[in-house]
């Protein structure tokens, strides 16, 4: 659990995490937002590579993120 600006942010739980693998360009933005909205509406936690800053060890971080999620949505 993390406290940020007087808000408690719960660490993602494996059973509630959904990995999103999709394009992040402007053309796909509305669909990406719809996917995130739907995941939240179903009481799950969306996870994607936008959580990362920089490209160092990117492949390893993606692999770890996938392993931290019970579910995945792939639209490529």
PDB file of N, CA and C in Angstrom:
ATOM      1  N   UNK A   1       0.843  -1.176   0.000  1.00  0.00           N
ATOM      2  CA  UNK A   1       0.000   0.000   0.000  1.00  0.00           C
ATOM      3  C   UNK A   1       0.890   1.242   0.000  1.00  0.00           C
ATOM      4  N   UNK A   2       0.503   2.226  -0.797  1.00  0.00           N
ATOM      5  CA  UNK A   2       1.268   3.461  -0.924  1.00  0.00           C
ATOM      6  C   UNK A   2       0.363   4.636  -0.587  1.00  0.00           C
ATOM      7  N   UNK A   3       0.888   5.618   0.145  1.00  0.00           N
ATOM      8  CA  UNK A   3       0.132   6.826   0.447  1.00  0.00           C
ATOM      9  C   UNK A   3       0.682   7.942  -0.425  1.00  0.00           C
ATOM     10  N   UNK A   4      -0.185   8.566  -1.216  1.00  0.00           N
ATOM     11  CA  UNK A   4       0.217   9.629  -2.126  1.00  0.00           C
ATOM     12  C   UNK A   4      -0.795  10.758  -2.055  1.00  0.00           C
ATOM     13  N   UNK A   5      -0.346  11.955  -1.696  1.00  0.00           N
ATOM     14  CA  UNK A   5      -1.206  13.137  -1.592  1.00  0.00           C
ATOM     15  C   UNK A   5      -2.473  12.832  -0.795  1.00  0.00           C
ATOM     16  N   UNK A   6      -2.294  12.270   0.382  1.00  0.00           N
ATOM     17  CA  UNK A   6      -3.381  11.945   1.304  1.00  0.00           C
ATOM     18  C   UNK A   6      -4.342  10.896   0.764  1.00  0.00           C
ATOM     19  N   UNK A   7      -3.918  10.147  -0.252  1.00  0.00           N
ATOM     20  CA  UNK A   7      -4.735   9.064  -0.789  1.00  0.00           C
ATOM     21  C   UNK A   7      -4.001   7.758  -0.539  1.00  0.00           C
ATOM     22  N   UNK A   8      -4.739   6.731  -0.214  1.00  0.00           N
ATOM     23  CA  UNK A   8      -4.148   5.415  -0.056  1.00  0.00           C
ATOM     24  C   UNK A   8      -4.302   4.674  -1.374  1.00  0.00           C
ATOM     25  N   UNK A   9      -3.175   4.245  -1.927  1.00  0.00           N
ATOM     26  CA  UNK A   9      -3.185   3.530  -3.191  1.00  0.00           C
ATOM     27  C   UNK A   9      -2.856   2.077  -2.906  1.00  0.00           C
ATOM     28  N   UNK A  10      -3.794   1.204  -3.200  1.00  0.00           N
ATOM     29  CA  UNK A  10      -3.630  -0.222  -2.944  1.00  0.00           C
ATOM     30  C   UNK A  10      -2.723  -0.835  -4.000  1.00  0.00           C
ATOM     31  N   UNK A  11      -1.781  -1.663  -3.564  1.00  0.00           N
ATOM     32  CA  UNK A  11      -0.922  -2.383  -4.497  1.00  0.00           C
ATOM     33  C   UNK A  11      -1.765  -3.374  -5.280  1.00  0.00           C
ATOM     34  N   UNK A  12      -1.479  -3.537  -6.565  1.00  0.00           N
ATOM     35  CA  UNK A  12      -2.268  -4.469  -7.382  1.00  0.00           C
ATOM     36  C   UNK A  12      -2.172  -5.904  -6.854  1.00  0.00           C
ATOM     37  N   UNK A  13      -3.283  -6.605  -6.920  1.00  0.00           N
ATOM     38  CA  UNK A  13      -3.380  -7.998  -6.486  1.00  0.00           C
ATOM     39  C   UNK A  13      -3.453  -8.874  -7.735  1.00  0.00           C
ATOM     40  N   UNK A  14      -2.691  -9.978  -7.756  1.00  0.00           N
ATOM     41  CA  UNK A  14      -2.622 -10.863  -8.920  1.00  0.00           C
ATOM     42  C   UNK A  14      -4.011 -11.239  -9.427  1.00  0.00           C
ATOM     43  N   UNK A  15      -4.881 -11.683  -8.546  1.00  0.00           N
ATOM     44  CA  UNK A  15      -6.212 -12.180  -8.940  1.00  0.00           C
ATOM     45  C   UNK A  15      -7.113 -11.094  -9.509  1.00  0.00           C
ATOM     46  N   UNK A  16      -6.759  -9.825  -9.287  1.00  0.00           N
ATOM     47  CA  UNK A  16      -7.581  -8.709  -9.753  1.00  0.00           C
ATOM     48  C   UNK A  16      -6.915  -7.913 -10.879  1.00  0.00           C
ATOM     49  N   UNK A  17      -5.727  -8.338 -11.298  1.00  0.00           N
ATOM     50  CA  UNK A  17      -4.952  -7.571 -12.276  1.00  0.00           C
ATOM     51  C   UNK A  17      -5.187  -8.066 -13.701  1.00  0.00           C
ATOM     52  N   UNK A  18      -5.326  -7.103 -14.625  1.00  0.00           N
ATOM     53  CA  UNK A  18      -5.545  -7.408 -16.040  1.00  0.00           C
ATOM     54  C   UNK A  18      -4.474  -6.678 -16.853  1.00  0.00           C
ATOM     55  N   UNK A  19      -3.639  -7.443 -17.545  1.00  0.00           N
ATOM     56  CA  UNK A  19      -2.604  -6.860 -18.404  1.00  0.00           C
ATOM     57  C   UNK A  19      -3.235  -6.433 -19.724  1.00  0.00           C
ATOM     58  N   UNK A  20      -2.987  -5.192 -20.131  1.00  0.00           N
ATOM     59  CA  UNK A  20      -3.516  -4.669 -21.388  1.00  0.00           C
ATOM     60  C   UNK A  20      -2.360  -4.551 -22.378  1.00  0.00           C
ATOM     61  N   UNK A  21      -2.490  -5.245 -23.482  1.00  0.00           N
ATOM     62  CA  UNK A  21      -1.492  -5.195 -24.547  1.00  0.00           C
ATOM     63  C   UNK A  21      -2.193  -4.655 -25.788  1.00  0.00           C
ATOM     64  N   UNK A  22      -1.954  -3.380 -26.079  1.00  0.00           N
ATOM     65  CA  UNK A  22      -2.595  -2.752 -27.228  1.00  0.00           C
ATOM     66  C   UNK A  22      -1.768  -1.558 -27.672  1.00  0.00           C
ATOM     67  N   UNK A  23      -2.064  -1.007 -28.837  1.00  0.00           N
ATOM     68  CA  UNK A  23      -1.362   0.213 -29.268  1.00  0.00           C
ATOM     69  C   UNK A  23      -1.750   1.390 -28.369  1.00  0.00           C
ATOM     70  N   UNK A  24      -0.827   2.306 -28.164  1.00  0.00           N
ATOM     71  CA  UNK A  24      -1.110   3.478 -27.330  1.00  0.00           C
ATOM     72  C   UNK A  24      -1.120   4.757 -28.154  1.00  0.00           C
ATOM     73  N   UNK A  25      -1.365   4.633 -29.448  1.00  0.00           N
ATOM     74  CA  UNK A  25      -1.372   5.812 -30.306  1.00  0.00           C
ATOM     75  C   UNK A  25      -2.724   6.526 -30.240  1.00  0.00           C
ATOM     76  N   UNK A  26      -2.780   7.697 -30.826  1.00  0.00           N
ATOM     77  CA  UNK A  26      -3.982   8.541 -30.783  1.00  0.00           C
ATOM     78  C   UNK A  26      -5.195   7.849 -31.409  1.00  0.00           C
ATOM     79  N   UNK A  27      -4.978   7.091 -32.458  1.00  0.00           N
ATOM     80  CA  UNK A  27      -6.067   6.417 -33.165  1.00  0.00           C
ATOM     81  C   UNK A  27      -6.757   5.363 -32.288  1.00  0.00           C
ATOM     82  N   UNK A  28      -6.030   4.757 -31.372  1.00  0.00           N
ATOM     83  CA  UNK A  28      -6.560   3.690 -30.525  1.00  0.00           C
ATOM     84  C   UNK A  28      -7.004   4.204 -29.154  1.00  0.00           C
ATOM     85  N   UNK A  29      -6.819   5.495 -28.891  1.00  0.00           N
ATOM     86  CA  UNK A  29      -7.037   6.077 -27.565  1.00  0.00           C
ATOM     87  C   UNK A  29      -8.441   5.821 -27.003  1.00  0.00           C
ATOM     88  N   UNK A  30      -9.478   5.992 -27.804  1.00  0.00           N
ATOM     89  CA  UNK A  30     -10.852   5.795 -27.317  1.00  0.00           C
ATOM     90  C   UNK A  30     -11.100   4.348 -26.911  1.00  0.00           C
ATOM     91  N   UNK A  31     -10.573   3.419 -27.680  1.00  0.00           N
ATOM     92  CA  UNK A  31     -10.740   2.001 -27.347  1.00  0.00           C
ATOM     93  C   UNK A  31      -9.964   1.675 -26.076  1.00  0.00           C
ATOM     94  N   UNK A  32      -8.751   2.211 -25.956  1.00  0.00           N
ATOM     95  CA  UNK A  32      -7.945   1.998 -24.755  1.00  0.00           C
ATOM     96  C   UNK A  32      -8.683   2.500 -23.516  1.00  0.00           C
ATOM     97  N   UNK A  33      -9.261   3.685 -23.591  1.00  0.00           N
ATOM     98  CA  UNK A  33     -10.030   4.230 -22.465  1.00  0.00           C
ATOM     99  C   UNK A  33     -11.246   3.360 -22.150  1.00  0.00           C
ATOM    100  N   UNK A  34     -11.905   2.840 -23.167  1.00  0.00           N
ATOM    101  CA  UNK A  34     -13.052   1.958 -22.955  1.00  0.00           C
ATOM    102  C   UNK A  34     -12.624   0.663 -22.256  1.00  0.00           C
ATOM    103  N   UNK A  35     -11.468   0.141 -22.634  1.00  0.00           N
ATOM    104  CA  UNK A  35     -10.951  -1.071 -21.988  1.00  0.00           C
ATOM    105  C   UNK A  35     -10.672  -0.800 -20.511  1.00  0.00           C
ATOM    106  N   UNK A  36     -10.023   0.310 -20.223  1.00  0.00           N
ATOM    107  CA  UNK A  36      -9.719   0.663 -18.829  1.00  0.00           C
ATOM    108  C   UNK A  36     -11.006   0.859 -18.028  1.00  0.00           C
ATOM    109  N   UNK A  37     -11.965   1.576 -18.597  1.00  0.00           N
ATOM    110  CA  UNK A  37     -13.245   1.801 -17.923  1.00  0.00           C
ATOM    111  C   UNK A  37     -13.925   0.476 -17.593  1.00  0.00           C
ATOM    112  N   UNK A  38     -13.960  -0.425 -18.550  1.00  0.00           N
ATOM    113  CA  UNK A  38     -14.621  -1.714 -18.356  1.00  0.00           C
ATOM    114  C   UNK A  38     -13.928  -2.543 -17.285  1.00  0.00           C
ATOM    115  N   UNK A  39     -12.596  -2.540 -17.300  1.00  0.00           N
ATOM    116  CA  UNK A  39     -11.852  -3.279 -16.278  1.00  0.00           C
ATOM    117  C   UNK A  39     -12.173  -2.731 -14.894  1.00  0.00           C
ATOM    118  N   UNK A  40     -12.167  -1.410 -14.742  1.00  0.00           N
ATOM    119  CA  UNK A  40     -12.523  -0.796 -13.450  1.00  0.00           C
ATOM    120  C   UNK A  40     -13.958  -1.112 -13.053  1.00  0.00           C
ATOM    121  N   UNK A  41     -14.867  -1.035 -14.000  1.00  0.00           N
ATOM    122  CA  UNK A  41     -16.284  -1.292 -13.712  1.00  0.00           C
ATOM    123  C   UNK A  41     -16.511  -2.716 -13.215  1.00  0.00           C
ATOM    124  N   UNK A  42     -15.636  -3.617 -13.595  1.00  0.00           N
ATOM    125  CA  UNK A  42     -15.723  -5.018 -13.153  1.00  0.00           C
ATOM    126  C   UNK A  42     -14.887  -5.272 -11.906  1.00  0.00           C
ATOM    127  N   UNK A  43     -14.428  -4.197 -11.252  1.00  0.00           N
ATOM    128  CA  UNK A  43     -13.633  -4.266 -10.018  1.00  0.00           C
ATOM    129  C   UNK A  43     -12.287  -4.967 -10.182  1.00  0.00           C
ATOM    130  N   UNK A  44     -11.681  -4.805 -11.355  1.00  0.00           N
ATOM    131  CA  UNK A  44     -10.343  -5.318 -11.585  1.00  0.00           C
ATOM    132  C   UNK A  44      -9.380  -4.135 -11.715  1.00  0.00           C
ATOM    133  N   UNK A  45      -8.085  -4.424 -11.772  1.00  0.00           N
ATOM    134  CA  UNK A  45      -7.062  -3.393 -11.869  1.00  0.00           C
ATOM    135  C   UNK A  45      -6.373  -3.474 -13.225  1.00  0.00           C
ATOM    136  N   UNK A  46      -6.494  -2.431 -14.058  1.00  0.00           N
ATOM    137  CA  UNK A  46      -5.794  -2.454 -15.349  1.00  0.00           C
ATOM    138  C   UNK A  46      -4.300  -2.224 -15.146  1.00  0.00           C
ATOM    139  N   UNK A  47      -3.486  -2.957 -15.890  1.00  0.00           N
ATOM    140  CA  UNK A  47      -2.027  -2.812 -15.839  1.00  0.00           C
ATOM    141  C   UNK A  47      -1.514  -2.766 -17.270  1.00  0.00           C
ATOM    142  N   UNK A  48      -0.543  -1.911 -17.544  1.00  0.00           N
ATOM    143  CA  UNK A  48       0.053  -1.856 -18.876  1.00  0.00           C
ATOM    144  C   UNK A  48       1.435  -1.227 -18.795  1.00  0.00           C
ATOM    145  N   UNK A  49       2.129  -1.230 -19.909  1.00  0.00           N
ATOM    146  CA  UNK A  49       3.501  -0.730 -19.935  1.00  0.00           C
ATOM    147  C   UNK A  49       3.601   0.777 -19.735  1.00  0.00           C
ATOM    148  N   UNK A  50       2.488   1.485 -19.754  1.00  0.00           N
ATOM    149  CA  UNK A  50       2.523   2.923 -19.481  1.00  0.00           C
ATOM    150  C   UNK A  50       2.921   3.198 -18.032  1.00  0.00           C
ATOM    151  N   UNK A  51       2.950   2.164 -17.202  1.00  0.00           N
ATOM    152  CA  UNK A  51       3.394   2.307 -15.814  1.00  0.00           C
ATOM    153  C   UNK A  51       4.892   2.578 -15.738  1.00  0.00           C
ATOM    154  N   UNK A  52       5.627   2.249 -16.799  1.00  0.00           N
ATOM    155  CA  UNK A  52       7.081   2.338 -16.790  1.00  0.00           C
ATOM    156  C   UNK A  52       7.561   3.673 -17.321  1.00  0.00           C
ATOM    157  N   UNK A  53       8.677   4.131 -16.776  1.00  0.00           N
ATOM    158  CA  UNK A  53       9.372   5.297 -17.298  1.00  0.00           C
ATOM    159  C   UNK A  53      10.680   4.821 -17.895  1.00  0.00           C
ATOM    160  N   UNK A  54      11.036   5.309 -19.060  1.00  0.00           N
ATOM    161  CA  UNK A  54      12.294   4.933 -19.693  1.00  0.00           C
ATOM    162  C   UNK A  54      12.235   3.570 -20.350  1.00  0.00           C
ATOM    163  N   UNK A  55      13.288   3.228 -21.052  1.00  0.00           N
ATOM    164  CA  UNK A  55      13.331   1.971 -21.793  1.00  0.00           C
ATOM    165  C   UNK A  55      14.317   0.961 -21.227  1.00  0.00           C
ATOM    166  N   UNK A  56      14.982   1.293 -20.145  1.00  0.00           N
ATOM    167  CA  UNK A  56      15.965   0.383 -19.576  1.00  0.00           C
ATOM    168  C   UNK A  56      15.290  -0.885 -19.054  1.00  0.00           C
ATOM    169  N   UNK A  57      15.777  -2.034 -19.489  1.00  0.00           N
ATOM    170  CA  UNK A  57      15.233  -3.330 -19.082  1.00  0.00           C
ATOM    171  C   UNK A  57      13.745  -3.457 -19.385  1.00  0.00           C
ATOM    172  N   UNK A  58      13.296  -2.830 -20.452  1.00  0.00           N
ATOM    173  CA  UNK A  58      11.873  -2.804 -20.793  1.00  0.00           C
ATOM    174  C   UNK A  58      11.284  -4.203 -20.982  1.00  0.00           C
ATOM    175  N   UNK A  59      11.976  -5.072 -21.693  1.00  0.00           N
ATOM    176  CA  UNK A  59      11.466  -6.417 -21.925  1.00  0.00           C
ATOM    177  C   UNK A  59      11.291  -7.177 -20.613  1.00  0.00           C
ATOM    178  N   UNK A  60      12.250  -7.038 -19.710  1.00  0.00           N
ATOM    179  CA  UNK A  60      12.141  -7.720 -18.418  1.00  0.00           C
ATOM    180  C   UNK A  60      10.974  -7.161 -17.610  1.00  0.00           C
ATOM    181  N   UNK A  61      10.774  -5.849 -17.641  1.00  0.00           N
ATOM    182  CA  UNK A  61       9.657  -5.245 -16.900  1.00  0.00           C
ATOM    183  C   UNK A  61       8.312  -5.682 -17.475  1.00  0.00           C
ATOM    184  N   UNK A  62       8.236  -5.800 -18.803  1.00  0.00           N
ATOM    185  CA  UNK A  62       6.999  -6.277 -19.435  1.00  0.00           C
ATOM    186  C   UNK A  62       6.730  -7.716 -19.024  1.00  0.00           C
ATOM    187  N   UNK A  63       7.764  -8.546 -19.060  1.00  0.00           N
ATOM    188  CA  UNK A  63       7.619  -9.950 -18.649  1.00  0.00           C
ATOM    189  C   UNK A  63       7.150 -10.042 -17.202  1.00  0.00           C
ATOM    190  N   UNK A  64       7.744  -9.261 -16.322  1.00  0.00           N
ATOM    191  CA  UNK A  64       7.331  -9.265 -14.912  1.00  0.00           C
ATOM    192  C   UNK A  64       5.888  -8.810 -14.759  1.00  0.00           C
ATOM    193  N   UNK A  65       5.509  -7.779 -15.504  1.00  0.00           N
ATOM    194  CA  UNK A  65       4.144  -7.260 -15.422  1.00  0.00           C
ATOM    195  C   UNK A  65       3.130  -8.310 -15.860  1.00  0.00           C
ATOM    196  N   UNK A  66       3.421  -9.013 -16.936  1.00  0.00           N
ATOM    197  CA  UNK A  66       2.526 -10.072 -17.410  1.00  0.00           C
ATOM    198  C   UNK A  66       2.374 -11.145 -16.326  1.00  0.00           C
ATOM    199  N   UNK A  67       3.470 -11.493 -15.663  1.00  0.00           N
ATOM    200  CA  UNK A  67       3.428 -12.514 -14.614  1.00  0.00           C
ATOM    201  C   UNK A  67       2.667 -12.049 -13.377  1.00  0.00           C
ATOM    202  N   UNK A  68       2.530 -10.739 -13.193  1.00  0.00           N
ATOM    203  CA  UNK A  68       1.816 -10.182 -12.051  1.00  0.00           C
ATOM    204  C   UNK A  68       0.309 -10.101 -12.281  1.00  0.00           C
ATOM    205  N   UNK A  69      -0.149 -10.477 -13.488  1.00  0.00           N
ATOM    206  CA  UNK A  69      -1.567 -10.360 -13.845  1.00  0.00           C
ATOM    207  C   UNK A  69      -2.164 -11.732 -14.142  1.00  0.00           C
ATOM    208  N   UNK A  70      -3.319 -11.979 -13.545  1.00  0.00           N
ATOM    209  CA  UNK A  70      -4.001 -13.249 -13.814  1.00  0.00           C
ATOM    210  C   UNK A  70      -4.650 -13.249 -15.197  1.00  0.00           C
ATOM    211  N   UNK A  71      -5.069 -12.065 -15.657  1.00  0.00           N
ATOM    212  CA  UNK A  71      -5.781 -11.964 -16.926  1.00  0.00           C
ATOM    213  C   UNK A  71      -5.037 -11.042 -17.882  1.00  0.00           C
ATOM    214  N   UNK A  72      -5.360 -11.149 -19.162  1.00  0.00           N
ATOM    215  CA  UNK A  72      -4.755 -10.282 -20.158  1.00  0.00           C
ATOM    216  C   UNK A  72      -5.713  -9.993 -21.293  1.00  0.00           C
ATOM    217  N   UNK A  73      -5.608  -8.774 -21.820  1.00  0.00           N
ATOM    218  CA  UNK A  73      -6.384  -8.365 -22.993  1.00  0.00           C
ATOM    219  C   UNK A  73      -5.359  -7.958 -24.049  1.00  0.00           C
ATOM    220  N   UNK A  74      -5.430  -8.596 -25.203  1.00  0.00           N
ATOM    221  CA  UNK A  74      -4.454  -8.336 -26.255  1.00  0.00           C
ATOM    222  C   UNK A  74      -5.187  -7.893 -27.520  1.00  0.00           C
ATOM    223  N   UNK A  75      -4.923  -6.676 -27.947  1.00  0.00           N
ATOM    224  CA  UNK A  75      -5.508  -6.146 -29.169  1.00  0.00           C
ATOM    225  C   UNK A  75      -4.400  -5.474 -29.952  1.00  0.00           C
ATOM    226  N   UNK A  76      -3.711  -6.260 -30.766  1.00  0.00           N
ATOM    227  CA  UNK A  76      -2.597  -5.718 -31.535  1.00  0.00           C
ATOM    228  C   UNK A  76      -2.823  -5.924 -33.010  1.00  0.00           C
TER     229      UNK A  76
END
